Amino acid sequence: MNTKGRTLALIGAWLQLGPLFGLIGTIIGMISAFQTMGEGGMGKPEALAEDIHFALITTAIGLVIGLIG
């Protein structure tokens, strides 16, 4: 296989892994959100919103990468 073919195969492999990275980010964000709720309850909704924001952004990025791939 030539260099160009290897490069395209490597790019394709990384694009296929995009949704997996998005899912991992979602799990990390939700774990963090539940920890925030466990520590302070619902007294700090902005801290909870920050964690959920992280989870949703990583999900969206993973989906976009998956669609491209």
PDB file of N, CA and C in Angstrom:
ATOM      1  N   MET A   1       0.859  -1.179   0.000  1.00  0.00           N
ATOM      2  CA  MET A   1       0.000   0.000   0.000  1.00  0.00           C
ATOM      3  C   MET A   1       0.900   1.236   0.000  1.00  0.00           C
ATOM      4  N   ASN A   2       0.511   2.183  -0.795  1.00  0.00           N
ATOM      5  CA  ASN A   2       1.325   3.395  -0.866  1.00  0.00           C
ATOM      6  C   ASN A   2       1.057   4.316   0.319  1.00  0.00           C
ATOM      7  N   THR A   3       1.849   5.358   0.413  1.00  0.00           N
ATOM      8  CA  THR A   3       1.756   6.282   1.543  1.00  0.00           C
ATOM      9  C   THR A   3       0.403   6.981   1.601  1.00  0.00           C
ATOM     10  N   LYS A   4      -0.113   7.353   0.439  1.00  0.00           N
ATOM     11  CA  LYS A   4      -1.401   8.051   0.406  1.00  0.00           C
ATOM     12  C   LYS A   4      -2.531   7.133   0.902  1.00  0.00           C
ATOM     13  N   GLY A   5      -2.482   5.879   0.517  1.00  0.00           N
ATOM     14  CA  GLY A   5      -3.495   4.925   0.957  1.00  0.00           C
ATOM     15  C   GLY A   5      -3.431   4.682   2.458  1.00  0.00           C
ATOM     16  N   ARG A   6      -2.221   4.597   2.991  1.00  0.00           N
ATOM     17  CA  ARG A   6      -2.066   4.417   4.449  1.00  0.00           C
ATOM     18  C   ARG A   6      -2.600   5.615   5.205  1.00  0.00           C
ATOM     19  N   THR A   7      -2.310   6.790   4.689  1.00  0.00           N
ATOM     20  CA  THR A   7      -2.778   8.016   5.340  1.00  0.00           C
ATOM     21  C   THR A   7      -4.300   8.069   5.362  1.00  0.00           C
ATOM     22  N   LEU A   8      -4.921   7.735   4.225  1.00  0.00           N
ATOM     23  CA  LEU A   8      -6.390   7.730   4.164  1.00  0.00           C
ATOM     24  C   LEU A   8      -6.986   6.674   5.090  1.00  0.00           C
ATOM     25  N   ALA A   9      -6.355   5.515   5.182  1.00  0.00           N
ATOM     26  CA  ALA A   9      -6.839   4.470   6.079  1.00  0.00           C
ATOM     27  C   ALA A   9      -6.741   4.917   7.536  1.00  0.00           C
ATOM     28  N   LEU A  10      -5.657   5.583   7.880  1.00  0.00           N
ATOM     29  CA  LEU A  10      -5.478   6.074   9.247  1.00  0.00           C
ATOM     30  C   LEU A  10      -6.502   7.154   9.585  1.00  0.00           C
ATOM     31  N   ILE A  11      -6.731   8.061   8.660  1.00  0.00           N
ATOM     32  CA  ILE A  11      -7.743   9.111   8.872  1.00  0.00           C
ATOM     33  C   ILE A  11      -9.127   8.475   9.033  1.00  0.00           C
ATOM     34  N   GLY A  12      -9.430   7.479   8.200  1.00  0.00           N
ATOM     35  CA  GLY A  12     -10.716   6.787   8.298  1.00  0.00           C
ATOM     36  C   GLY A  12     -10.894   6.094   9.638  1.00  0.00           C
ATOM     37  N   ALA A  13      -9.824   5.492  10.129  1.00  0.00           N
ATOM     38  CA  ALA A  13      -9.903   4.816  11.431  1.00  0.00           C
ATOM     39  C   ALA A  13     -10.185   5.819  12.546  1.00  0.00           C
ATOM     40  N   TRP A  14      -9.518   6.956  12.509  1.00  0.00           N
ATOM     41  CA  TRP A  14      -9.753   7.983  13.535  1.00  0.00           C
ATOM     42  C   TRP A  14     -11.166   8.541  13.442  1.00  0.00           C
ATOM     43  N   LEU A  15     -11.674   8.702  12.228  1.00  0.00           N
ATOM     44  CA  LEU A  15     -13.039   9.207  12.073  1.00  0.00           C
ATOM     45  C   LEU A  15     -14.061   8.200  12.596  1.00  0.00           C
ATOM     46  N   GLN A  16     -13.781   6.919  12.446  1.00  0.00           N
ATOM     47  CA  GLN A  16     -14.696   5.916  12.968  1.00  0.00           C
ATOM     48  C   GLN A  16     -14.678   5.866  14.489  1.00  0.00           C
ATOM     49  N   LEU A  17     -13.588   6.280  15.094  1.00  0.00           N
ATOM     50  CA  LEU A  17     -13.494   6.292  16.551  1.00  0.00           C
ATOM     51  C   LEU A  17     -14.122   7.546  17.172  1.00  0.00           C
ATOM     52  N   GLY A  18     -14.500   8.518  16.357  1.00  0.00           N
ATOM     53  CA  GLY A  18     -15.087   9.764  16.854  1.00  0.00           C
ATOM     54  C   GLY A  18     -16.280   9.567  17.775  1.00  0.00           C
ATOM     55  N   PRO A  19     -17.275   8.766  17.385  1.00  0.00           N
ATOM     56  CA  PRO A  19     -18.422   8.561  18.278  1.00  0.00           C
ATOM     57  C   PRO A  19     -18.034   7.921  19.609  1.00  0.00           C
ATOM     58  N   LEU A  20     -17.029   7.071  19.596  1.00  0.00           N
ATOM     59  CA  LEU A  20     -16.578   6.460  20.850  1.00  0.00           C
ATOM     60  C   LEU A  20     -16.010   7.520  21.790  1.00  0.00           C
ATOM     61  N   PHE A  21     -15.205   8.431  21.247  1.00  0.00           N
ATOM     62  CA  PHE A  21     -14.666   9.511  22.076  1.00  0.00           C
ATOM     63  C   PHE A  21     -15.783  10.417  22.582  1.00  0.00           C
ATOM     64  N   GLY A  22     -16.804  10.655  21.738  1.00  0.00           N
ATOM     65  CA  GLY A  22     -17.947  11.443  22.176  1.00  0.00           C
ATOM     66  C   GLY A  22     -18.693  10.770  23.313  1.00  0.00           C
ATOM     67  N   LEU A  23     -18.843   9.463  23.229  1.00  0.00           N
ATOM     68  CA  LEU A  23     -19.523   8.720  24.287  1.00  0.00           C
ATOM     69  C   LEU A  23     -18.725   8.754  25.584  1.00  0.00           C
ATOM     70  N   ILE A  24     -17.422   8.612  25.479  1.00  0.00           N
ATOM     71  CA  ILE A  24     -16.574   8.681  26.674  1.00  0.00           C
ATOM     72  C   ILE A  24     -16.700  10.059  27.333  1.00  0.00           C
ATOM     73  N   GLY A  25     -16.701  11.121  26.521  1.00  0.00           N
ATOM     74  CA  GLY A  25     -16.875  12.467  27.065  1.00  0.00           C
ATOM     75  C   GLY A  25     -18.229  12.646  27.724  1.00  0.00           C
ATOM     76  N   THR A  26     -19.259  12.038  27.138  1.00  0.00           N
ATOM     77  CA  THR A  26     -20.593  12.104  27.723  1.00  0.00           C
ATOM     78  C   THR A  26     -20.618  11.427  29.086  1.00  0.00           C
ATOM     79  N   ILE A  27     -20.017  10.273  29.172  1.00  0.00           N
ATOM     80  CA  ILE A  27     -19.990   9.539  30.436  1.00  0.00           C
ATOM     81  C   ILE A  27     -19.225  10.330  31.496  1.00  0.00           C
ATOM     82  N   ILE A  28     -18.086  10.885  31.117  1.00  0.00           N
ATOM     83  CA  ILE A  28     -17.299  11.679  32.072  1.00  0.00           C
ATOM     84  C   ILE A  28     -18.092  12.899  32.537  1.00  0.00           C
ATOM     85  N   GLY A  29     -18.748  13.583  31.609  1.00  0.00           N
ATOM     86  CA  GLY A  29     -19.545  14.757  31.968  1.00  0.00           C
ATOM     87  C   GLY A  29     -20.705  14.420  32.892  1.00  0.00           C
ATOM     88  N   MET A  30     -21.380  13.295  32.635  1.00  0.00           N
ATOM     89  CA  MET A  30     -22.513  12.919  33.476  1.00  0.00           C
ATOM     90  C   MET A  30     -22.047  12.454  34.860  1.00  0.00           C
ATOM     91  N   ILE A  31     -20.920  11.760  34.917  1.00  0.00           N
ATOM     92  CA  ILE A  31     -20.378  11.378  36.224  1.00  0.00           C
ATOM     93  C   ILE A  31     -20.059  12.626  37.032  1.00  0.00           C
ATOM     94  N   SER A  32     -19.456  13.597  36.374  1.00  0.00           N
ATOM     95  CA  SER A  32     -19.129  14.852  37.047  1.00  0.00           C
ATOM     96  C   SER A  32     -20.400  15.576  37.504  1.00  0.00           C
ATOM     97  N   ALA A  33     -21.439  15.545  36.675  1.00  0.00           N
ATOM     98  CA  ALA A  33     -22.701  16.192  37.046  1.00  0.00           C
ATOM     99  C   ALA A  33     -23.320  15.523  38.271  1.00  0.00           C
ATOM    100  N   PHE A  34     -23.299  14.195  38.304  1.00  0.00           N
ATOM    101  CA  PHE A  34     -23.848  13.494  39.456  1.00  0.00           C
ATOM    102  C   PHE A  34     -23.015  13.727  40.707  1.00  0.00           C
ATOM    103  N   GLN A  35     -21.695  13.856  40.554  1.00  0.00           N
ATOM    104  CA  GLN A  35     -20.855  14.185  41.708  1.00  0.00           C
ATOM    105  C   GLN A  35     -21.186  15.573  42.234  1.00  0.00           C
ATOM    106  N   THR A  36     -21.409  16.514  41.326  1.00  0.00           N
ATOM    107  CA  THR A  36     -21.778  17.867  41.728  1.00  0.00           C
ATOM    108  C   THR A  36     -23.097  17.854  42.490  1.00  0.00           C
ATOM    109  N   MET A  37     -24.065  17.090  41.993  1.00  0.00           N
ATOM    110  CA  MET A  37     -25.356  16.988  42.678  1.00  0.00           C
ATOM    111  C   MET A  37     -25.200  16.312  44.035  1.00  0.00           C
ATOM    112  N   GLY A  38     -24.336  15.297  44.107  1.00  0.00           N
ATOM    113  CA  GLY A  38     -24.146  14.583  45.358  1.00  0.00           C
ATOM    114  C   GLY A  38     -23.474  15.428  46.423  1.00  0.00           C
ATOM    115  N   GLU A  39     -22.563  16.288  46.000  1.00  0.00           N
ATOM    116  CA  GLU A  39     -21.835  17.120  46.960  1.00  0.00           C
ATOM    117  C   GLU A  39     -22.649  18.314  47.435  1.00  0.00           C
ATOM    118  N   GLY A  40     -23.324  18.980  46.500  1.00  0.00           N
ATOM    119  CA  GLY A  40     -23.999  20.213  46.886  1.00  0.00           C
ATOM    120  C   GLY A  40     -25.489  20.208  46.665  1.00  0.00           C
ATOM    121  N   GLY A  41     -26.038  19.088  46.243  1.00  0.00           N
ATOM    122  CA  GLY A  41     -27.458  19.048  45.937  1.00  0.00           C
ATOM    123  C   GLY A  41     -27.750  19.926  44.724  1.00  0.00           C
ATOM    124  N   MET A  42     -28.917  20.512  44.704  1.00  0.00           N
ATOM    125  CA  MET A  42     -29.292  21.385  43.595  1.00  0.00           C
ATOM    126  C   MET A  42     -29.076  22.855  43.947  1.00  0.00           C
ATOM    127  N   GLY A  43     -28.255  23.120  44.949  1.00  0.00           N
ATOM    128  CA  GLY A  43     -28.011  24.489  45.376  1.00  0.00           C
ATOM    129  C   GLY A  43     -27.206  25.306  44.381  1.00  0.00           C
ATOM    130  N   LYS A  44     -26.430  24.621  43.510  1.00  0.00           N
ATOM    131  CA  LYS A  44     -25.614  25.317  42.514  1.00  0.00           C
ATOM    132  C   LYS A  44     -25.956  24.813  41.117  1.00  0.00           C
ATOM    133  N   PRO A  45     -27.042  25.306  40.555  1.00  0.00           N
ATOM    134  CA  PRO A  45     -27.427  24.811  39.223  1.00  0.00           C
ATOM    135  C   PRO A  45     -26.425  25.192  38.134  1.00  0.00           C
ATOM    136  N   GLU A  46     -25.673  26.285  38.322  1.00  0.00           N
ATOM    137  CA  GLU A  46     -24.704  26.657  37.283  1.00  0.00           C
ATOM    138  C   GLU A  46     -23.552  25.660  37.211  1.00  0.00           C
ATOM    139  N   ALA A  47     -23.177  25.061  38.341  1.00  0.00           N
ATOM    140  CA  ALA A  47     -22.124  24.032  38.333  1.00  0.00           C
ATOM    141  C   ALA A  47     -22.636  22.775  37.638  1.00  0.00           C
ATOM    142  N   LEU A  48     -23.870  22.419  37.895  1.00  0.00           N
ATOM    143  CA  LEU A  48     -24.476  21.260  37.246  1.00  0.00           C
ATOM    144  C   LEU A  48     -24.618  21.507  35.742  1.00  0.00           C
ATOM    145  N   ALA A  49     -25.036  22.707  35.371  1.00  0.00           N
ATOM    146  CA  ALA A  49     -25.192  23.046  33.963  1.00  0.00           C
ATOM    147  C   ALA A  49     -23.857  22.990  33.226  1.00  0.00           C
ATOM    148  N   GLU A  50     -22.784  23.365  33.891  1.00  0.00           N
ATOM    149  CA  GLU A  50     -21.447  23.314  33.288  1.00  0.00           C
ATOM    150  C   GLU A  50     -21.070  21.872  32.945  1.00  0.00           C
ATOM    151  N   ASP A  51     -21.342  20.943  33.850  1.00  0.00           N
ATOM    152  CA  ASP A  51     -21.027  19.536  33.612  1.00  0.00           C
ATOM    153  C   ASP A  51     -21.887  18.958  32.488  1.00  0.00           C
ATOM    154  N   ILE A  52     -23.155  19.288  32.485  1.00  0.00           N
ATOM    155  CA  ILE A  52     -24.050  18.799  31.434  1.00  0.00           C
ATOM    156  C   ILE A  52     -23.662  19.409  30.092  1.00  0.00           C
ATOM    157  N   HIS A  53     -23.238  20.654  30.090  1.00  0.00           N
ATOM    158  CA  HIS A  53     -22.771  21.309  28.873  1.00  0.00           C
ATOM    159  C   HIS A  53     -21.588  20.549  28.280  1.00  0.00           C
ATOM    160  N   PHE A  54     -20.639  20.167  29.126  1.00  0.00           N
ATOM    161  CA  PHE A  54     -19.484  19.393  28.679  1.00  0.00           C
ATOM    162  C   PHE A  54     -19.934  18.077  28.047  1.00  0.00           C
ATOM    163  N   ALA A  55     -20.875  17.397  28.709  1.00  0.00           N
ATOM    164  CA  ALA A  55     -21.363  16.115  28.205  1.00  0.00           C
ATOM    165  C   ALA A  55     -22.034  16.270  26.842  1.00  0.00           C
ATOM    166  N   LEU A  56     -22.845  17.298  26.688  1.00  0.00           N
ATOM    167  CA  LEU A  56     -23.561  17.487  25.422  1.00  0.00           C
ATOM    168  C   LEU A  56     -22.635  17.922  24.290  1.00  0.00           C
ATOM    169  N   ILE A  57     -21.654  18.748  24.598  1.00  0.00           N
ATOM    170  CA  ILE A  57     -20.708  19.185  23.566  1.00  0.00           C
ATOM    171  C   ILE A  57     -19.897  18.007  23.053  1.00  0.00           C
ATOM    172  N   THR A  58     -19.402  17.144  23.950  1.00  0.00           N
ATOM    173  CA  THR A  58     -18.617  15.995  23.500  1.00  0.00           C
ATOM    174  C   THR A  58     -19.485  15.019  22.690  1.00  0.00           C
ATOM    175  N   THR A  59     -20.751  14.883  23.061  1.00  0.00           N
ATOM    176  CA  THR A  59     -21.656  14.038  22.284  1.00  0.00           C
ATOM    177  C   THR A  59     -21.828  14.594  20.876  1.00  0.00           C
ATOM    178  N   ALA A  60     -22.064  15.890  20.780  1.00  0.00           N
ATOM    179  CA  ALA A  60     -22.252  16.516  19.471  1.00  0.00           C
ATOM    180  C   ALA A  60     -21.005  16.397  18.597  1.00  0.00           C
ATOM    181  N   ILE A  61     -19.848  16.621  19.181  1.00  0.00           N
ATOM    182  CA  ILE A  61     -18.609  16.509  18.417  1.00  0.00           C
ATOM    183  C   ILE A  61     -18.414  15.077  17.924  1.00  0.00           C
ATOM    184  N   GLY A  62     -18.662  14.107  18.798  1.00  0.00           N
ATOM    185  CA  GLY A  62     -18.548  12.705  18.391  1.00  0.00           C
ATOM    186  C   GLY A  62     -19.487  12.342  17.265  1.00  0.00           C
ATOM    187  N   LEU A  63     -20.711  12.851  17.330  1.00  0.00           N
ATOM    188  CA  LEU A  63     -21.679  12.571  16.251  1.00  0.00           C
ATOM    189  C   LEU A  63     -21.253  13.217  14.932  1.00  0.00           C
ATOM    190  N   VAL A  64     -20.768  14.425  14.983  1.00  0.00           N
ATOM    191  CA  VAL A  64     -20.315  15.096  13.755  1.00  0.00           C
ATOM    192  C   VAL A  64     -19.147  14.348  13.139  1.00  0.00           C
ATOM    193  N   ILE A  65     -18.200  13.947  13.968  1.00  0.00           N
ATOM    194  CA  ILE A  65     -17.056  13.196  13.457  1.00  0.00           C
ATOM    195  C   ILE A  65     -17.524  11.865  12.855  1.00  0.00           C
ATOM    196  N   GLY A  66     -18.477  11.217  13.512  1.00  0.00           N
ATOM    197  CA  GLY A  66     -19.013   9.966  12.992  1.00  0.00           C
ATOM    198  C   GLY A  66     -19.719  10.150  11.659  1.00  0.00           C
ATOM    199  N   LEU A  67     -20.447  11.251  11.497  1.00  0.00           N
ATOM    200  CA  LEU A  67     -21.115  11.520  10.228  1.00  0.00           C
ATOM    201  C   LEU A  67     -20.115  11.794   9.113  1.00  0.00           C
ATOM    202  N   ILE A  68     -19.047  12.479   9.447  1.00  0.00           N
ATOM    203  CA  ILE A  68     -18.011  12.750   8.446  1.00  0.00           C
ATOM    204  C   ILE A  68     -17.344  11.438   8.020  1.00  0.00           C
ATOM    205  N   GLY A  69     -17.085  10.588   9.024  1.00  0.00           N
ATOM    206  CA  GLY A  69     -16.393   9.328   8.754  1.00  0.00           C
ATOM    207  C   GLY A  69     -17.274   8.355   8.024  1.00  0.00           C
TER     208      GLY A  69
END
